[in-house]
Structure formats: structure tokens, C-alpha cells
C-alpha atoms as a PDB file:
ATOM      1  CA  MET A   1       0.000   0.000   0.000  1.00  0.00           C
ATOM      2  CA  ASN A   2       2.762   2.455   0.834  1.00  0.00           C
ATOM      3  CA  THR A   3       4.505   1.660  -2.435  1.00  0.00           C
ATOM      4  CA  GLU A   4       1.324   2.417  -4.317  1.00  0.00           C
ATOM      5  CA  LEU A   5       0.948   5.775  -2.574  1.00  0.00           C
ATOM      6  CA  PHE A   6       4.598   6.561  -3.234  1.00  0.00           C
ATOM      7  CA  ASN A   7       4.205   5.752  -6.934  1.00  0.00           C
ATOM      8  CA  THR A   8       1.097   7.919  -7.149  1.00  0.00           C
ATOM      9  CA  LEU A   9       2.908  10.789  -5.468  1.00  0.00           C
ATOM     10  CA  GLU A  10       5.900  10.322  -7.748  1.00  0.00           C
ATOM     11  CA  ASN A  11       3.668  10.424 -10.836  1.00  0.00           C
ATOM     12  CA  LYS A  12       1.940  13.566  -9.635  1.00  0.00           C
ATOM     13  CA  ILE A  13       5.270  15.255  -8.989  1.00  0.00           C
ATOM     14  CA  GLU A  14       6.498  14.291 -12.460  1.00  0.00           C
ATOM     15  CA  GLN A  15       3.317  15.671 -14.010  1.00  0.00           C
ATOM     16  CA  MET A  16       3.714  18.888 -12.035  1.00  0.00           C
ATOM     17  CA  LEU A  17       7.333  19.260 -13.161  1.00  0.00           C
ATOM     18  CA  GLU A  18       6.329  18.718 -16.791  1.00  0.00           C
ATOM     19  CA  GLU A  19       3.563  21.301 -16.428  1.00  0.00           C
ATOM     20  CA  MET A  20       6.009  23.764 -14.887  1.00  0.00           C
ATOM     21  CA  GLU A  21       8.395  23.303 -17.799  1.00  0.00           C
ATOM     22  CA  LEU A  22       5.582  23.893 -20.291  1.00  0.00           C
ATOM     23  CA  LEU A  23       4.569  27.031 -18.423  1.00  0.00           C
ATOM     24  CA  ARG A  24       8.173  28.272 -18.426  1.00  0.00           C
ATOM     25  CA  MET A  25       8.338  27.764 -22.168  1.00  0.00           C
ATOM     26  CA  GLU A  26       5.044  29.619 -22.595  1.00  0.00           C
ATOM     27  CA  VAL A  27       6.303  32.511 -20.454  1.00  0.00           C
ATOM     28  CA  THR A  28       9.448  32.707 -22.579  1.00  0.00           C
ATOM     29  CA  GLU A  29       7.385  32.788 -25.774  1.00  0.00           C
ATOM     30  CA  LEU A  30       5.087  35.461 -24.350  1.00  0.00           C
ATOM     31  CA  ARG A  31       8.045  37.604 -23.306  1.00  0.00           C
ATOM     32  CA  GLU A  32       9.501  37.354 -26.797  1.00  0.00           C
ATOM     33  CA  GLU A  33       6.136  38.257 -28.310  1.00  0.00           C
ATOM     34  CA  LYS A  34       5.800  41.224 -25.947  1.00  0.00           C
ATOM     35  CA  ALA A  35       9.269  42.463 -26.900  1.00  0.00           C
ATOM     36  CA  GLN A  36       8.326  42.267 -30.580  1.00  0.00           C
ATOM     37  CA  LEU A  37       5.043  44.086 -29.956  1.00  0.00           C
ATOM     38  CA  ASP A  38       6.839  46.778 -27.950  1.00  0.00           C
ATOM     39  CA  GLN A  39       9.210  47.273 -30.862  1.00  0.00           C
ATOM     40  CA  GLU A  40       6.318  47.525 -33.331  1.00  0.00           C
ATOM     41  CA  LYS A  41       4.566  49.984 -31.020  1.00  0.00           C
ATOM     42  CA  ALA A  42       7.649  52.191 -30.882  1.00  0.00           C
ATOM     43  CA  GLN A  43       7.899  52.116 -34.676  1.00  0.00           C
ATOM     44  CA  LEU A  44       4.229  53.012 -35.091  1.00  0.00           C
ATOM     45  CA  LEU A  45       4.517  55.847 -32.598  1.00  0.00           C
ATOM     46  CA  ALA A  46       7.514  57.221 -34.508  1.00  0.00           C
ATOM     47  CA  GLU A  47       5.567  56.998 -37.766  1.00  0.00           C
ATOM     48  CA  ARG A  48       2.593  58.750 -36.177  1.00  0.00           C
ATOM     49  CA  GLN A  49       4.840  61.491 -34.868  1.00  0.00           C
ATOM     50  CA  ASN A  50       6.252  61.929 -38.375  1.00  0.00           C
ATOM     51  CA  TRP A  51       2.754  62.206 -39.858  1.00  0.00           C
ATOM     52  CA  ASP A  52       1.727  64.666 -37.151  1.00  0.00           C
ATOM     53  CA  GLN A  53       4.703  66.846 -38.039  1.00  0.00           C
ATOM     54  CA  LYS A  54       3.847  66.710 -41.732  1.00  0.00           C
ATOM     55  CA  LEU A  55       0.232  67.581 -40.999  1.00  0.00           C
ATOM     56  CA  GLN A  56       1.257  70.515 -38.824  1.00  0.00           C
ATOM     57  CA  GLY A  57       3.496  71.726 -41.641  1.00  0.00           C
ATOM     58  CA  LEU A  58       0.624  71.569 -44.121  1.00  0.00           C
ATOM     59  CA  LEU A  59      -1.722  73.355 -41.738  1.00  0.00           C
ATOM     60  CA  SER A  60       0.872  76.080 -41.222  1.00  0.00           C
ATOM     61  CA  ARG A  61       1.141  76.504 -44.982  1.00  0.00           C
ATOM     62  CA  PHE A  62      -2.648  76.839 -45.237  1.00  0.00           C
ATOM     63  CA  ASP A  63      -2.623  79.428 -42.483  1.00  0.00           C
ATOM     64  CA  ALA A  64       0.103  81.341 -44.325  1.00  0.00           C
ATOM     65  CA  VAL A  65      -1.911  81.295 -47.578  1.00  0.00           C
ATOM     66  CA  GLU A  66      -5.085  82.475 -45.791  1.00  0.00           C
ATOM     67  CA  GLY A  67      -3.258  85.197 -43.861  1.00  0.00           C
END
């Protein structure tokens, strides 16, 4: 009986260790994905800033023509 309980406990521990390893791998993948998304966000913000500057330049030119 004790051997059976020990084997059951051993199996549960092995399953838990496997699950932990899978979760570690998932965390690693999610961190990599987040880093990529952060990089894309920074690029998009830079592009938006560029477009905002261009738009402000055009609006200034319109103001100059009207004035």
C-alpha cells in the first residue's frame, strides 16, 4: 500500500514538473512576443509622430496662404 501511494505521489510530482516546464516555455514565448510588440509599437509611434509633423506643416502653410 505504501509503495502504491509513493508511486502515485511520484507520478503527480512528475506531471507537475512537466507542467512547470511547459509554463516556463510559454512565459518565454510570451516575453519574446511582448518584446516584438513593444518594438512595433515604438515604430508606429515614430511613424505617427512623423505624420503629425507633416500635418502641422501643411496646416501652417494653409494658415500662411489664408493670412
